Amino acid sequence: MKAIKILFAACTFGLMSFAILPSKTNTVEVRATAPIAWKSELIDLGEIPQNKPKSIDFEFKNTGKTAVVITNVKASCGCTATDYTKTPIQPGQTAKVTATYNAAAKGAFTKTVTVTTNAEETPKVLSFKGTVI
């Protein structure tokens, strides 16, 4: 019986001697500001006439320290054509992405244009909305 108590005490003290090590923490780098400042990410066109294409300009400024290059611009549907500045936008300069919406169908609409650049990991989704009358 005495041997069991001694064995129990030895196991208890042995288990209590293990130190708990702090867990490893992951750090996440957070950018204070994006290198691109969009003038507007959502444009409300209000009422626009049917069968008359409408151009929408999304303007931005390169607020970073290196040139920004737009690598891709994609509209959410075939009813919207896109155009954009093809040359590198130097720090401090402004540029634009143009969406031309073919207002063929009457009614309310919301469309998006996705812009991919070398300055941001996640593409920027820009929107415009309105009502075709």
N, C-alpha and C. Protein backbone atom coordinates (compact mmCIF):
# COMPACT_ATOMS: atom_id res chain seq x y z
N MET A 1 0.81 -1.17 0.00
CA MET A 1 0.00 0.00 0.00
C MET A 1 0.87 1.26 0.00
N LYS A 2 1.96 1.19 0.81
CA LYS A 2 2.86 2.31 0.89
C LYS A 2 3.54 2.54 -0.46
N ALA A 3 3.83 1.48 -1.18
CA ALA A 3 4.47 1.57 -2.50
C ALA A 3 3.54 2.26 -3.49
N ILE A 4 2.24 1.98 -3.38
CA ILE A 4 1.27 2.60 -4.28
C ILE A 4 1.20 4.11 -4.01
N LYS A 5 1.21 4.52 -2.73
CA LYS A 5 1.17 5.93 -2.40
C LYS A 5 2.40 6.64 -2.92
N ILE A 6 3.56 6.00 -2.80
CA ILE A 6 4.81 6.60 -3.27
C ILE A 6 4.77 6.71 -4.79
N LEU A 7 4.29 5.69 -5.49
CA LEU A 7 4.17 5.70 -6.95
C LEU A 7 3.20 6.79 -7.39
N PHE A 8 2.08 6.91 -6.69
CA PHE A 8 1.09 7.92 -7.01
C PHE A 8 1.67 9.32 -6.82
N ALA A 9 2.37 9.55 -5.73
CA ALA A 9 2.99 10.84 -5.46
C ALA A 9 4.04 11.16 -6.52
N ALA A 10 4.84 10.17 -6.91
CA ALA A 10 5.88 10.39 -7.93
C ALA A 10 5.25 10.77 -9.27
N CYS A 11 4.16 10.09 -9.64
CA CYS A 11 3.48 10.41 -10.90
C CYS A 11 2.87 11.80 -10.85
N THR A 12 2.27 12.15 -9.74
CA THR A 12 1.64 13.47 -9.60
C THR A 12 2.67 14.57 -9.72
N PHE A 13 3.78 14.44 -8.98
CA PHE A 13 4.83 15.46 -9.06
C PHE A 13 5.49 15.47 -10.44
N GLY A 14 5.60 14.32 -11.05
CA GLY A 14 6.19 14.23 -12.39
C GLY A 14 5.33 14.97 -13.41
N LEU A 15 4.03 14.79 -13.34
CA LEU A 15 3.13 15.47 -14.27
C LEU A 15 3.10 16.98 -14.04
N MET A 16 3.22 17.38 -12.77
CA MET A 16 3.19 18.81 -12.46
C MET A 16 4.47 19.51 -12.88
N SER A 17 5.52 18.76 -13.16
CA SER A 17 6.79 19.39 -13.51
C SER A 17 6.85 19.81 -14.97
N PHE A 18 5.91 19.36 -15.78
CA PHE A 18 5.91 19.77 -17.19
C PHE A 18 5.47 21.22 -17.29
N ALA A 19 6.24 22.00 -18.01
CA ALA A 19 5.93 23.43 -18.18
C ALA A 19 5.00 23.59 -19.38
N ILE A 20 4.12 24.54 -19.27
CA ILE A 20 3.25 24.86 -20.40
C ILE A 20 3.95 25.92 -21.21
N LEU A 21 4.23 25.58 -22.47
CA LEU A 21 4.94 26.51 -23.35
C LEU A 21 3.93 27.42 -24.03
N PRO A 22 4.28 28.66 -24.22
CA PRO A 22 3.35 29.56 -24.92
C PRO A 22 3.13 29.08 -26.36
N SER A 23 1.90 29.23 -26.83
CA SER A 23 1.60 28.80 -28.19
C SER A 23 2.22 29.78 -29.18
N LYS A 24 2.53 29.28 -30.34
CA LYS A 24 3.13 30.09 -31.39
C LYS A 24 2.03 30.96 -31.99
N THR A 25 2.28 32.25 -32.13
CA THR A 25 1.28 33.15 -32.71
C THR A 25 1.70 33.55 -34.11
N ASN A 26 0.71 33.69 -34.95
CA ASN A 26 0.96 34.14 -36.31
C ASN A 26 0.77 35.64 -36.37
N THR A 27 1.64 36.31 -37.10
CA THR A 27 1.48 37.75 -37.27
C THR A 27 0.95 38.02 -38.67
N VAL A 28 0.11 39.01 -38.78
CA VAL A 28 -0.46 39.39 -40.06
C VAL A 28 -0.04 40.81 -40.36
N GLU A 29 0.49 41.01 -41.56
CA GLU A 29 0.90 42.34 -41.97
C GLU A 29 -0.32 43.09 -42.48
N VAL A 30 -0.53 44.27 -41.97
CA VAL A 30 -1.68 45.08 -42.38
C VAL A 30 -1.16 46.36 -43.00
N ARG A 31 -1.66 46.67 -44.21
CA ARG A 31 -1.29 47.91 -44.87
C ARG A 31 -2.13 49.04 -44.31
N ALA A 32 -1.48 50.14 -44.03
CA ALA A 32 -2.19 51.29 -43.48
C ALA A 32 -3.16 51.86 -44.51
N THR A 33 -2.71 52.02 -45.74
CA THR A 33 -3.57 52.54 -46.79
C THR A 33 -3.27 51.82 -48.09
N ALA A 34 -4.27 51.77 -48.95
CA ALA A 34 -4.09 51.15 -50.26
C ALA A 34 -3.31 52.12 -51.15
N PRO A 35 -2.52 51.59 -52.09
CA PRO A 35 -1.76 52.46 -52.98
C PRO A 35 -2.64 53.13 -54.04
N ILE A 36 -3.92 52.77 -54.08
CA ILE A 36 -4.84 53.37 -55.04
C ILE A 36 -6.00 53.99 -54.27
N ALA A 37 -6.28 55.27 -54.55
CA ALA A 37 -7.42 55.95 -53.93
C ALA A 37 -8.46 56.22 -55.00
N TRP A 38 -9.58 55.49 -54.93
CA TRP A 38 -10.66 55.66 -55.90
C TRP A 38 -11.50 56.86 -55.52
N LYS A 39 -11.86 57.67 -56.50
CA LYS A 39 -12.72 58.84 -56.26
C LYS A 39 -14.09 58.36 -55.80
N SER A 40 -14.60 57.30 -56.43
CA SER A 40 -15.87 56.69 -56.04
C SER A 40 -15.87 55.23 -56.48
N GLU A 41 -16.37 54.36 -55.62
CA GLU A 41 -16.45 52.94 -55.96
C GLU A 41 -17.87 52.54 -56.37
N LEU A 42 -18.84 53.44 -56.15
CA LEU A 42 -20.22 53.24 -56.55
C LEU A 42 -20.75 54.54 -57.13
N ILE A 43 -21.26 54.47 -58.36
CA ILE A 43 -21.80 55.65 -59.02
C ILE A 43 -23.28 55.40 -59.32
N ASP A 44 -24.12 56.32 -58.85
CA ASP A 44 -25.55 56.25 -59.10
C ASP A 44 -25.85 57.15 -60.30
N LEU A 45 -26.31 56.55 -61.39
CA LEU A 45 -26.58 57.30 -62.61
C LEU A 45 -27.97 57.92 -62.63
N GLY A 46 -28.82 57.51 -61.70
CA GLY A 46 -30.20 58.02 -61.71
C GLY A 46 -30.94 57.41 -62.89
N GLU A 47 -31.75 58.22 -63.56
CA GLU A 47 -32.50 57.76 -64.72
C GLU A 47 -31.73 58.05 -65.99
N ILE A 48 -31.65 57.04 -66.86
CA ILE A 48 -30.97 57.20 -68.15
C ILE A 48 -31.91 56.72 -69.25
N PRO A 49 -31.78 57.27 -70.46
CA PRO A 49 -32.68 56.88 -71.54
C PRO A 49 -32.35 55.51 -72.12
N GLN A 50 -33.39 54.81 -72.56
CA GLN A 50 -33.23 53.49 -73.18
C GLN A 50 -32.58 53.63 -74.55
N ASN A 51 -31.81 52.63 -74.93
CA ASN A 51 -31.14 52.52 -76.23
C ASN A 51 -30.12 53.63 -76.49
N LYS A 52 -29.59 54.20 -75.45
CA LYS A 52 -28.54 55.20 -75.58
C LYS A 52 -27.42 54.81 -74.62
N PRO A 53 -26.28 54.29 -75.15
CA PRO A 53 -25.18 53.87 -74.27
C PRO A 53 -24.72 55.01 -73.36
N LYS A 54 -24.40 54.65 -72.13
CA LYS A 54 -23.97 55.62 -71.11
C LYS A 54 -22.57 55.25 -70.64
N SER A 55 -21.65 56.23 -70.69
CA SER A 55 -20.27 56.01 -70.22
C SER A 55 -20.14 56.47 -68.78
N ILE A 56 -19.44 55.65 -67.99
CA ILE A 56 -19.21 55.92 -66.57
C ILE A 56 -17.71 55.89 -66.34
N ASP A 57 -17.16 56.96 -65.77
CA ASP A 57 -15.73 57.03 -65.49
C ASP A 57 -15.46 56.83 -64.00
N PHE A 58 -14.64 55.83 -63.70
CA PHE A 58 -14.17 55.61 -62.33
C PHE A 58 -12.74 56.13 -62.28
N GLU A 59 -12.51 57.20 -61.56
CA GLU A 59 -11.19 57.82 -61.49
C GLU A 59 -10.47 57.38 -60.22
N PHE A 60 -9.14 57.27 -60.32
CA PHE A 60 -8.33 56.95 -59.14
C PHE A 60 -7.01 57.66 -59.20
N LYS A 61 -6.37 57.75 -58.04
CA LYS A 61 -5.05 58.36 -57.92
C LYS A 61 -4.08 57.34 -57.35
N ASN A 62 -2.88 57.30 -57.91
CA ASN A 62 -1.82 56.43 -57.38
C ASN A 62 -1.21 57.14 -56.18
N THR A 63 -1.53 56.65 -54.97
CA THR A 63 -1.01 57.24 -53.75
C THR A 63 0.19 56.47 -53.21
N GLY A 64 0.63 55.47 -53.98
CA GLY A 64 1.77 54.65 -53.55
C GLY A 64 3.09 55.26 -53.96
N LYS A 65 4.14 54.45 -53.86
CA LYS A 65 5.49 54.92 -54.15
C LYS A 65 6.05 54.33 -55.44
N THR A 66 5.29 53.44 -56.09
CA THR A 66 5.73 52.85 -57.35
C THR A 66 4.61 52.97 -58.37
N ALA A 67 4.95 52.74 -59.63
CA ALA A 67 3.97 52.84 -60.71
C ALA A 67 2.90 51.75 -60.57
N VAL A 68 1.67 52.11 -60.91
CA VAL A 68 0.55 51.17 -60.91
C VAL A 68 0.22 50.81 -62.36
N VAL A 69 0.03 49.53 -62.61
CA VAL A 69 -0.34 49.06 -63.93
C VAL A 69 -1.66 48.30 -63.80
N ILE A 70 -2.64 48.69 -64.59
CA ILE A 70 -3.91 47.96 -64.63
C ILE A 70 -3.68 46.75 -65.53
N THR A 71 -3.86 45.56 -64.97
CA THR A 71 -3.58 44.34 -65.73
C THR A 71 -4.83 43.70 -66.33
N ASN A 72 -6.02 44.02 -65.79
CA ASN A 72 -7.24 43.44 -66.33
C ASN A 72 -8.45 44.24 -65.84
N VAL A 73 -9.43 44.39 -66.71
CA VAL A 73 -10.71 45.00 -66.36
C VAL A 73 -11.79 44.12 -66.97
N LYS A 74 -12.73 43.70 -66.11
CA LYS A 74 -13.78 42.79 -66.58
C LYS A 74 -15.14 43.28 -66.11
N ALA A 75 -16.07 43.39 -67.06
CA ALA A 75 -17.44 43.80 -66.74
C ALA A 75 -18.24 42.58 -66.31
N SER A 76 -19.30 42.82 -65.53
CA SER A 76 -20.12 41.71 -65.02
C SER A 76 -21.03 41.11 -66.08
N CYS A 77 -21.22 41.82 -67.20
CA CYS A 77 -22.09 41.26 -68.25
C CYS A 77 -21.67 41.78 -69.61
N GLY A 78 -22.23 41.18 -70.64
CA GLY A 78 -21.91 41.59 -72.01
C GLY A 78 -22.53 42.92 -72.41
N CYS A 79 -23.39 43.47 -71.57
CA CYS A 79 -24.04 44.75 -71.87
C CYS A 79 -23.14 45.93 -71.52
N THR A 80 -21.96 45.66 -70.97
CA THR A 80 -21.04 46.72 -70.54
C THR A 80 -19.67 46.51 -71.19
N ALA A 81 -19.22 47.53 -71.91
CA ALA A 81 -17.87 47.51 -72.49
C ALA A 81 -16.95 48.30 -71.56
N THR A 82 -15.67 47.96 -71.58
CA THR A 82 -14.72 48.65 -70.70
C THR A 82 -13.52 49.18 -71.46
N ASP A 83 -12.94 50.21 -70.91
CA ASP A 83 -11.69 50.77 -71.40
C ASP A 83 -10.95 51.31 -70.18
N TYR A 84 -9.62 51.39 -70.28
CA TYR A 84 -8.84 51.84 -69.14
C TYR A 84 -7.48 52.35 -69.58
N THR A 85 -6.82 53.06 -68.70
CA THR A 85 -5.49 53.58 -68.96
C THR A 85 -4.52 52.41 -69.10
N LYS A 86 -3.86 52.33 -70.24
CA LYS A 86 -2.99 51.18 -70.53
C LYS A 86 -1.53 51.42 -70.11
N THR A 87 -1.16 52.67 -69.91
CA THR A 87 0.23 52.98 -69.55
C THR A 87 0.38 52.97 -68.03
N PRO A 88 1.60 52.76 -67.50
CA PRO A 88 1.81 52.80 -66.05
C PRO A 88 1.43 54.16 -65.48
N ILE A 89 0.77 54.14 -64.34
CA ILE A 89 0.36 55.36 -63.66
C ILE A 89 1.39 55.63 -62.56
N GLN A 90 2.14 56.70 -62.72
CA GLN A 90 3.22 57.03 -61.79
C GLN A 90 2.66 57.55 -60.47
N PRO A 91 3.45 57.48 -59.38
CA PRO A 91 2.99 58.00 -58.09
C PRO A 91 2.51 59.44 -58.22
N GLY A 92 1.35 59.72 -57.63
CA GLY A 92 0.77 61.06 -57.68
C GLY A 92 -0.11 61.32 -58.88
N GLN A 93 -0.04 60.48 -59.91
CA GLN A 93 -0.85 60.67 -61.11
C GLN A 93 -2.24 60.06 -60.94
N THR A 94 -3.16 60.52 -61.79
CA THR A 94 -4.51 59.98 -61.80
C THR A 94 -4.76 59.26 -63.12
N ALA A 95 -5.74 58.37 -63.10
CA ALA A 95 -6.12 57.62 -64.30
C ALA A 95 -7.58 57.24 -64.15
N LYS A 96 -8.12 56.53 -65.15
CA LYS A 96 -9.52 56.16 -65.06
C LYS A 96 -9.80 54.82 -65.74
N VAL A 97 -10.89 54.25 -65.30
CA VAL A 97 -11.48 53.06 -65.91
C VAL A 97 -12.85 53.50 -66.39
N THR A 98 -13.14 53.26 -67.66
CA THR A 98 -14.42 53.67 -68.23
C THR A 98 -15.26 52.44 -68.53
N ALA A 99 -16.51 52.48 -68.09
CA ALA A 99 -17.49 51.43 -68.40
C ALA A 99 -18.57 52.08 -69.26
N THR A 100 -18.91 51.46 -70.38
CA THR A 100 -19.98 51.97 -71.23
C THR A 100 -21.12 50.97 -71.20
N TYR A 101 -22.22 51.39 -70.60
CA TYR A 101 -23.38 50.52 -70.39
C TYR A 101 -24.37 50.70 -71.54
N ASN A 102 -24.77 49.60 -72.18
CA ASN A 102 -25.76 49.61 -73.25
C ASN A 102 -27.14 49.47 -72.61
N ALA A 103 -27.82 50.58 -72.46
CA ALA A 103 -29.10 50.63 -71.75
C ALA A 103 -30.23 50.14 -72.66
N ALA A 104 -30.27 48.85 -72.92
CA ALA A 104 -31.26 48.30 -73.85
C ALA A 104 -32.57 47.94 -73.16
N ALA A 105 -32.51 47.44 -71.95
CA ALA A 105 -33.72 46.98 -71.26
C ALA A 105 -34.16 48.00 -70.23
N LYS A 106 -35.47 48.28 -70.19
CA LYS A 106 -36.01 49.22 -69.20
C LYS A 106 -35.98 48.61 -67.80
N GLY A 107 -35.89 49.49 -66.80
CA GLY A 107 -35.93 49.05 -65.42
C GLY A 107 -34.66 49.36 -64.67
N ALA A 108 -34.68 49.01 -63.39
CA ALA A 108 -33.53 49.25 -62.52
C ALA A 108 -32.40 48.27 -62.85
N PHE A 109 -31.18 48.73 -62.65
CA PHE A 109 -30.02 47.88 -62.89
C PHE A 109 -28.91 48.22 -61.91
N THR A 110 -28.05 47.24 -61.65
CA THR A 110 -26.80 47.41 -60.92
C THR A 110 -25.77 46.55 -61.64
N LYS A 111 -24.67 47.12 -62.03
CA LYS A 111 -23.62 46.41 -62.77
C LYS A 111 -22.28 46.63 -62.05
N THR A 112 -21.36 45.71 -62.29
CA THR A 112 -20.03 45.82 -61.68
C THR A 112 -18.94 45.72 -62.72
N VAL A 113 -17.81 46.30 -62.37
CA VAL A 113 -16.59 46.21 -63.17
C VAL A 113 -15.48 45.82 -62.20
N THR A 114 -14.76 44.75 -62.50
CA THR A 114 -13.69 44.27 -61.63
C THR A 114 -12.34 44.69 -62.22
N VAL A 115 -11.55 45.39 -61.41
CA VAL A 115 -10.27 45.94 -61.86
C VAL A 115 -9.13 45.25 -61.12
N THR A 116 -8.20 44.68 -61.89
CA THR A 116 -7.03 44.03 -61.33
C THR A 116 -5.80 44.88 -61.65
N THR A 117 -4.98 45.14 -60.61
CA THR A 117 -3.75 45.92 -60.79
C THR A 117 -2.58 45.20 -60.13
N ASN A 118 -1.40 45.72 -60.38
CA ASN A 118 -0.20 45.18 -59.73
C ASN A 118 -0.04 45.72 -58.32
N ALA A 119 -0.90 46.67 -57.91
CA ALA A 119 -0.74 47.34 -56.62
C ALA A 119 -1.52 46.69 -55.49
N GLU A 120 -2.54 45.90 -55.80
CA GLU A 120 -3.38 45.30 -54.77
C GLU A 120 -3.56 43.82 -55.05
N GLU A 121 -3.51 43.02 -53.99
CA GLU A 121 -3.65 41.57 -54.15
C GLU A 121 -5.06 41.18 -54.58
N THR A 122 -6.06 41.86 -54.04
CA THR A 122 -7.45 41.54 -54.34
C THR A 122 -7.98 42.52 -55.38
N PRO A 123 -8.60 42.02 -56.44
CA PRO A 123 -9.17 42.93 -57.44
C PRO A 123 -10.22 43.85 -56.80
N LYS A 124 -10.34 45.05 -57.32
CA LYS A 124 -11.31 46.04 -56.82
C LYS A 124 -12.59 45.90 -57.65
N VAL A 125 -13.73 45.79 -56.97
CA VAL A 125 -15.02 45.71 -57.64
C VAL A 125 -15.70 47.07 -57.54
N LEU A 126 -15.92 47.66 -58.70
CA LEU A 126 -16.57 48.96 -58.80
C LEU A 126 -18.00 48.73 -59.29
N SER A 127 -18.94 49.57 -58.85
CA SER A 127 -20.35 49.37 -59.21
C SER A 127 -20.97 50.65 -59.73
N PHE A 128 -21.97 50.47 -60.59
CA PHE A 128 -22.81 51.59 -61.01
C PHE A 128 -24.24 51.07 -61.10
N LYS A 129 -25.17 52.00 -60.85
CA LYS A 129 -26.58 51.60 -60.84
C LYS A 129 -27.43 52.75 -61.37
N GLY A 130 -28.68 52.42 -61.65
CA GLY A 130 -29.60 53.43 -62.14
C GLY A 130 -30.88 52.79 -62.60
N THR A 131 -31.66 53.55 -63.34
CA THR A 131 -32.91 53.06 -63.91
C THR A 131 -33.00 53.50 -65.35
N VAL A 132 -33.24 52.55 -66.24
CA VAL A 132 -33.43 52.85 -67.66
C VAL A 132 -34.90 53.18 -67.87
N ILE A 133 -35.14 54.36 -68.48
CA ILE A 133 -36.54 54.77 -68.70
C ILE A 133 -36.88 54.77 -70.19
